[in-house]
């Protein structure tokens, strides 16, 4: 059983991380670290969606899951 802030599963969530998901997470981390501007028009739609999801999750973590 795995649970965190209102989300629970009986299957290890690590098994759902694909190579592409990991690449997006790494690209997002580099983007945040460098504080580089992002030109959305130059990125694939799936990468933009991944960055938006990661931004939203980071915002939730910053508010300790209360927002």
PDB file of N, CA and C in Angstrom:
ATOM      1  N   UNK A   1       0.842  -1.187   0.000  1.00  0.00           N
ATOM      2  CA  UNK A   1       0.000   0.000   0.000  1.00  0.00           C
ATOM      3  C   UNK A   1       0.879   1.240   0.000  1.00  0.00           C
ATOM      4  N   UNK A   2       0.564   2.186  -0.848  1.00  0.00           N
ATOM      5  CA  UNK A   2       1.273   3.467  -0.918  1.00  0.00           C
ATOM      6  C   UNK A   2       0.234   4.567  -0.831  1.00  0.00           C
ATOM      7  N   UNK A   3       0.476   5.565   0.004  1.00  0.00           N
ATOM      8  CA  UNK A   3      -0.471   6.675   0.143  1.00  0.00           C
ATOM      9  C   UNK A   3       0.289   7.966   0.399  1.00  0.00           C
ATOM     10  N   UNK A   4      -0.253   9.034  -0.148  1.00  0.00           N
ATOM     11  CA  UNK A   4       0.335  10.358   0.085  1.00  0.00           C
ATOM     12  C   UNK A   4      -0.706  11.412  -0.250  1.00  0.00           C
ATOM     13  N   UNK A   5      -1.019  12.232   0.714  1.00  0.00           N
ATOM     14  CA  UNK A   5      -1.908  13.391   0.544  1.00  0.00           C
ATOM     15  C   UNK A   5      -3.139  13.109  -0.310  1.00  0.00           C
ATOM     16  N   UNK A   6      -3.952  12.193   0.108  1.00  0.00           N
ATOM     17  CA  UNK A   6      -5.206  11.950  -0.580  1.00  0.00           C
ATOM     18  C   UNK A   6      -5.128  11.013  -1.766  1.00  0.00           C
ATOM     19  N   UNK A   7      -3.949  10.462  -2.057  1.00  0.00           N
ATOM     20  CA  UNK A   7      -3.793   9.523  -3.166  1.00  0.00           C
ATOM     21  C   UNK A   7      -3.280   8.219  -2.596  1.00  0.00           C
ATOM     22  N   UNK A   8      -3.898   7.124  -2.997  1.00  0.00           N
ATOM     23  CA  UNK A   8      -3.470   5.820  -2.494  1.00  0.00           C
ATOM     24  C   UNK A   8      -3.541   4.785  -3.611  1.00  0.00           C
ATOM     25  N   UNK A   9      -2.660   3.799  -3.507  1.00  0.00           N
ATOM     26  CA  UNK A   9      -2.666   2.688  -4.456  1.00  0.00           C
ATOM     27  C   UNK A   9      -2.108   1.453  -3.762  1.00  0.00           C
ATOM     28  N   UNK A  10      -2.495   0.315  -4.238  1.00  0.00           N
ATOM     29  CA  UNK A  10      -1.973  -0.935  -3.699  1.00  0.00           C
ATOM     30  C   UNK A  10      -0.818  -1.464  -4.538  1.00  0.00           C
ATOM     31  N   UNK A  11      -0.511  -0.756  -5.628  1.00  0.00           N
ATOM     32  CA  UNK A  11       0.584  -1.130  -6.517  1.00  0.00           C
ATOM     33  C   UNK A  11       1.648  -0.045  -6.423  1.00  0.00           C
ATOM     34  N   UNK A  12       2.891  -0.416  -6.408  1.00  0.00           N
ATOM     35  CA  UNK A  12       3.987   0.539  -6.312  1.00  0.00           C
ATOM     36  C   UNK A  12       3.910   1.536  -7.467  1.00  0.00           C
ATOM     37  N   UNK A  13       3.838   2.851  -7.166  1.00  0.00           N
ATOM     38  CA  UNK A  13       3.718   3.833  -8.246  1.00  0.00           C
ATOM     39  C   UNK A  13       4.963   3.930  -9.107  1.00  0.00           C
ATOM     40  N   UNK A  14       6.091   3.462  -8.636  1.00  0.00           N
ATOM     41  CA  UNK A  14       7.319   3.511  -9.420  1.00  0.00           C
ATOM     42  C   UNK A  14       7.149   2.732 -10.726  1.00  0.00           C
ATOM     43  N   UNK A  15       6.351   1.699 -10.704  1.00  0.00           N
ATOM     44  CA  UNK A  15       6.171   0.883 -11.902  1.00  0.00           C
ATOM     45  C   UNK A  15       5.469   1.650 -13.022  1.00  0.00           C
ATOM     46  N   UNK A  16       4.860   2.779 -12.709  1.00  0.00           N
ATOM     47  CA  UNK A  16       4.163   3.562 -13.713  1.00  0.00           C
ATOM     48  C   UNK A  16       5.049   4.631 -14.356  1.00  0.00           C
ATOM     49  N   UNK A  17       6.269   4.778 -13.910  1.00  0.00           N
ATOM     50  CA  UNK A  17       7.169   5.776 -14.473  1.00  0.00           C
ATOM     51  C   UNK A  17       7.857   5.173 -15.696  1.00  0.00           C
ATOM     52  N   UNK A  18       7.623   5.799 -16.826  1.00  0.00           N
ATOM     53  CA  UNK A  18       8.239   5.326 -18.077  1.00  0.00           C
ATOM     54  C   UNK A  18       9.539   6.081 -18.323  1.00  0.00           C
ATOM     55  N   UNK A  19      10.294   5.637 -19.283  1.00  0.00           N
ATOM     56  CA  UNK A  19      11.526   6.326 -19.649  1.00  0.00           C
ATOM     57  C   UNK A  19      11.213   7.752 -20.106  1.00  0.00           C
ATOM     58  N   UNK A  20      10.116   7.931 -20.836  1.00  0.00           N
ATOM     59  CA  UNK A  20       9.723   9.265 -21.303  1.00  0.00           C
ATOM     60  C   UNK A  20       9.337  10.157 -20.127  1.00  0.00           C
ATOM     61  N   UNK A  21       8.610   9.602 -19.163  1.00  0.00           N
ATOM     62  CA  UNK A  21       8.230  10.374 -17.978  1.00  0.00           C
ATOM     63  C   UNK A  21       9.465  10.823 -17.221  1.00  0.00           C
ATOM     64  N   UNK A  22      10.412   9.948 -17.072  1.00  0.00           N
ATOM     65  CA  UNK A  22      11.657  10.285 -16.379  1.00  0.00           C
ATOM     66  C   UNK A  22      12.413  11.382 -17.128  1.00  0.00           C
ATOM     67  N   UNK A  23      12.442  11.299 -18.443  1.00  0.00           N
ATOM     68  CA  UNK A  23      13.113  12.330 -19.242  1.00  0.00           C
ATOM     69  C   UNK A  23      12.454  13.684 -19.027  1.00  0.00           C
ATOM     70  N   UNK A  24      11.110  13.727 -19.007  1.00  0.00           N
ATOM     71  CA  UNK A  24      10.411  14.989 -18.777  1.00  0.00           C
ATOM     72  C   UNK A  24      10.707  15.535 -17.383  1.00  0.00           C
ATOM     73  N   UNK A  25      10.760  14.657 -16.403  1.00  0.00           N
ATOM     74  CA  UNK A  25      11.063  15.094 -15.037  1.00  0.00           C
ATOM     75  C   UNK A  25      12.471  15.683 -14.966  1.00  0.00           C
ATOM     76  N   UNK A  26      13.418  15.059 -15.648  1.00  0.00           N
ATOM     77  CA  UNK A  26      14.786  15.569 -15.654  1.00  0.00           C
ATOM     78  C   UNK A  26      14.869  16.898 -16.400  1.00  0.00           C
ATOM     79  N   UNK A  27      14.178  17.015 -17.524  1.00  0.00           N
ATOM     80  CA  UNK A  27      14.177  18.270 -18.277  1.00  0.00           C
ATOM     81  C   UNK A  27      13.525  19.379 -17.459  1.00  0.00           C
ATOM     82  N   UNK A  28      12.460  19.050 -16.761  1.00  0.00           N
ATOM     83  CA  UNK A  28      11.786  20.022 -15.899  1.00  0.00           C
ATOM     84  C   UNK A  28      12.727  20.494 -14.789  1.00  0.00           C
ATOM     85  N   UNK A  29      13.447  19.578 -14.172  1.00  0.00           N
ATOM     86  CA  UNK A  29      14.378  19.933 -13.101  1.00  0.00           C
ATOM     87  C   UNK A  29      15.475  20.860 -13.608  1.00  0.00           C
ATOM     88  N   UNK A  30      16.000  20.575 -14.789  1.00  0.00           N
ATOM     89  CA  UNK A  30      17.043  21.426 -15.373  1.00  0.00           C
ATOM     90  C   UNK A  30      16.460  22.800 -15.694  1.00  0.00           C
ATOM     91  N   UNK A  31      15.265  22.825 -16.271  1.00  0.00           N
ATOM     92  CA  UNK A  31      14.604  24.087 -16.593  1.00  0.00           C
ATOM     93  C   UNK A  31      14.422  24.931 -15.338  1.00  0.00           C
ATOM     94  N   UNK A  32      13.962  24.310 -14.247  1.00  0.00           N
ATOM     95  CA  UNK A  32      13.765  25.042 -12.994  1.00  0.00           C
ATOM     96  C   UNK A  32      15.091  25.521 -12.419  1.00  0.00           C
ATOM     97  N   UNK A  33      16.110  24.684 -12.477  1.00  0.00           N
ATOM     98  CA  UNK A  33      17.403  25.026 -11.907  1.00  0.00           C
ATOM     99  C   UNK A  33      18.035  26.205 -12.666  1.00  0.00           C
ATOM    100  N   UNK A  34      17.940  26.184 -13.980  1.00  0.00           N
ATOM    101  CA  UNK A  34      18.539  27.241 -14.792  1.00  0.00           C
ATOM    102  C   UNK A  34      17.651  28.485 -14.895  1.00  0.00           C
ATOM    103  N   UNK A  35      16.396  28.337 -14.476  1.00  0.00           N
ATOM    104  CA  UNK A  35      15.414  29.435 -14.582  1.00  0.00           C
ATOM    105  C   UNK A  35      15.345  29.967 -16.008  1.00  0.00           C
ATOM    106  N   UNK A  36      15.416  29.055 -16.939  1.00  0.00           N
ATOM    107  CA  UNK A  36      15.429  29.407 -18.350  1.00  0.00           C
ATOM    108  C   UNK A  36      14.006  29.680 -18.846  1.00  0.00           C
ATOM    109  N   UNK A  37      13.857  30.669 -19.718  1.00  0.00           N
ATOM    110  CA  UNK A  37      12.528  30.903 -20.297  1.00  0.00           C
ATOM    111  C   UNK A  37      12.134  29.737 -21.212  1.00  0.00           C
ATOM    112  N   UNK A  38      10.873  29.452 -21.258  1.00  0.00           N
ATOM    113  CA  UNK A  38      10.379  28.372 -22.112  1.00  0.00           C
ATOM    114  C   UNK A  38       9.537  28.982 -23.221  1.00  0.00           C
ATOM    115  N   UNK A  39       9.859  28.644 -24.447  1.00  0.00           N
ATOM    116  CA  UNK A  39       9.058  29.079 -25.589  1.00  0.00           C
ATOM    117  C   UNK A  39       8.142  27.910 -25.925  1.00  0.00           C
ATOM    118  N   UNK A  40       6.924  28.023 -25.461  1.00  0.00           N
ATOM    119  CA  UNK A  40       5.974  26.907 -25.548  1.00  0.00           C
ATOM    120  C   UNK A  40       5.780  26.434 -26.984  1.00  0.00           C
ATOM    121  N   UNK A  41       5.785  27.361 -27.906  1.00  0.00           N
ATOM    122  CA  UNK A  41       5.567  26.998 -29.308  1.00  0.00           C
ATOM    123  C   UNK A  41       6.648  26.068 -29.844  1.00  0.00           C
ATOM    124  N   UNK A  42       7.826  26.068 -29.218  1.00  0.00           N
ATOM    125  CA  UNK A  42       8.931  25.231 -29.677  1.00  0.00           C
ATOM    126  C   UNK A  42       8.945  23.836 -29.047  1.00  0.00           C
ATOM    127  N   UNK A  43       8.039  23.594 -28.107  1.00  0.00           N
ATOM    128  CA  UNK A  43       8.028  22.315 -27.391  1.00  0.00           C
ATOM    129  C   UNK A  43       6.887  21.426 -27.869  1.00  0.00           C
ATOM    130  N   UNK A  44       7.087  20.111 -27.798  1.00  0.00           N
ATOM    131  CA  UNK A  44       5.984  19.190 -28.100  1.00  0.00           C
ATOM    132  C   UNK A  44       4.868  19.358 -27.064  1.00  0.00           C
ATOM    133  N   UNK A  45       3.637  19.184 -27.497  1.00  0.00           N
ATOM    134  CA  UNK A  45       2.484  19.368 -26.613  1.00  0.00           C
ATOM    135  C   UNK A  45       2.555  18.477 -25.369  1.00  0.00           C
ATOM    136  N   UNK A  46       3.022  17.264 -25.524  1.00  0.00           N
ATOM    137  CA  UNK A  46       3.094  16.356 -24.370  1.00  0.00           C
ATOM    138  C   UNK A  46       4.101  16.844 -23.343  1.00  0.00           C
ATOM    139  N   UNK A  47       5.192  17.475 -23.793  1.00  0.00           N
ATOM    140  CA  UNK A  47       6.169  18.014 -22.853  1.00  0.00           C
ATOM    141  C   UNK A  47       5.576  19.208 -22.108  1.00  0.00           C
ATOM    142  N   UNK A  48       4.849  20.063 -22.823  1.00  0.00           N
ATOM    143  CA  UNK A  48       4.202  21.203 -22.181  1.00  0.00           C
ATOM    144  C   UNK A  48       3.216  20.701 -21.121  1.00  0.00           C
ATOM    145  N   UNK A  49       2.445  19.685 -21.473  1.00  0.00           N
ATOM    146  CA  UNK A  49       1.501  19.119 -20.509  1.00  0.00           C
ATOM    147  C   UNK A  49       2.241  18.555 -19.290  1.00  0.00           C
ATOM    148  N   UNK A  50       3.339  17.858 -19.531  1.00  0.00           N
ATOM    149  CA  UNK A  50       4.118  17.296 -18.421  1.00  0.00           C
ATOM    150  C   UNK A  50       4.647  18.404 -17.517  1.00  0.00           C
ATOM    151  N   UNK A  51       5.160  19.481 -18.107  1.00  0.00           N
ATOM    152  CA  UNK A  51       5.667  20.600 -17.313  1.00  0.00           C
ATOM    153  C   UNK A  51       4.544  21.245 -16.506  1.00  0.00           C
ATOM    154  N   UNK A  52       3.362  21.375 -17.098  1.00  0.00           N
ATOM    155  CA  UNK A  52       2.217  21.953 -16.384  1.00  0.00           C
ATOM    156  C   UNK A  52       1.811  21.078 -15.204  1.00  0.00           C
ATOM    157  N   UNK A  53       1.780  19.777 -15.416  1.00  0.00           N
ATOM    158  CA  UNK A  53       1.448  18.852 -14.325  1.00  0.00           C
ATOM    159  C   UNK A  53       2.497  18.942 -13.223  1.00  0.00           C
ATOM    160  N   UNK A  54       3.761  18.955 -13.596  1.00  0.00           N
ATOM    161  CA  UNK A  54       4.827  19.043 -12.601  1.00  0.00           C
ATOM    162  C   UNK A  54       4.775  20.369 -11.850  1.00  0.00           C
ATOM    163  N   UNK A  55       4.482  21.472 -12.538  1.00  0.00           N
ATOM    164  CA  UNK A  55       4.351  22.777 -11.878  1.00  0.00           C
ATOM    165  C   UNK A  55       3.217  22.745 -10.857  1.00  0.00           C
ATOM    166  N   UNK A  56       2.083  22.160 -11.245  1.00  0.00           N
ATOM    167  CA  UNK A  56       0.941  22.081 -10.335  1.00  0.00           C
ATOM    168  C   UNK A  56       1.270  21.232  -9.110  1.00  0.00           C
ATOM    169  N   UNK A  57       1.940  20.122  -9.325  1.00  0.00           N
ATOM    170  CA  UNK A  57       2.306  19.258  -8.198  1.00  0.00           C
ATOM    171  C   UNK A  57       3.333  19.924  -7.291  1.00  0.00           C
ATOM    172  N   UNK A  58       4.266  20.670  -7.878  1.00  0.00           N
ATOM    173  CA  UNK A  58       5.243  21.391  -7.061  1.00  0.00           C
ATOM    174  C   UNK A  58       4.556  22.472  -6.229  1.00  0.00           C
ATOM    175  N   UNK A  59       3.549  23.132  -6.802  1.00  0.00           N
ATOM    176  CA  UNK A  59       2.804  24.150  -6.069  1.00  0.00           C
ATOM    177  C   UNK A  59       2.062  23.523  -4.893  1.00  0.00           C
ATOM    178  N   UNK A  60       1.491  22.335  -5.113  1.00  0.00           N
ATOM    179  CA  UNK A  60       0.812  21.626  -4.019  1.00  0.00           C
ATOM    180  C   UNK A  60       1.795  21.278  -2.914  1.00  0.00           C
ATOM    181  N   UNK A  61       2.953  20.799  -3.289  1.00  0.00           N
ATOM    182  CA  UNK A  61       3.976  20.449  -2.297  1.00  0.00           C
ATOM    183  C   UNK A  61       4.414  21.692  -1.511  1.00  0.00           C
ATOM    184  N   UNK A  62       4.514  22.828  -2.203  1.00  0.00           N
ATOM    185  CA  UNK A  62       4.964  24.069  -1.557  1.00  0.00           C
ATOM    186  C   UNK A  62       3.959  24.532  -0.502  1.00  0.00           C
ATOM    187  N   UNK A  63       2.685  24.233  -0.740  1.00  0.00           N
ATOM    188  CA  UNK A  63       1.668  24.613   0.237  1.00  0.00           C
ATOM    189  C   UNK A  63       1.359  23.462   1.183  1.00  0.00           C
ATOM    190  N   UNK A  64       2.220  22.455   1.162  1.00  0.00           N
ATOM    191  CA  UNK A  64       2.081  21.288   2.042  1.00  0.00           C
ATOM    192  C   UNK A  64       0.765  20.561   1.839  1.00  0.00           C
ATOM    193  N   UNK A  65       0.300  20.563   0.611  1.00  0.00           N
ATOM    194  CA  UNK A  65      -0.924  19.831   0.282  1.00  0.00           C
ATOM    195  C   UNK A  65      -2.180  20.484   0.780  1.00  0.00           C
ATOM    196  N   UNK A  66      -2.107  21.721   1.253  1.00  0.00           N
ATOM    197  CA  UNK A  66      -3.301  22.392   1.781  1.00  0.00           C
ATOM    198  C   UNK A  66      -3.965  23.274   0.751  1.00  0.00           C
ATOM    199  N   UNK A  67      -3.351  23.433  -0.429  1.00  0.00           N
ATOM    200  CA  UNK A  67      -3.916  24.328  -1.435  1.00  0.00           C
ATOM    201  C   UNK A  67      -4.625  23.622  -2.523  1.00  0.00           C
TER     202      UNK A  67
END
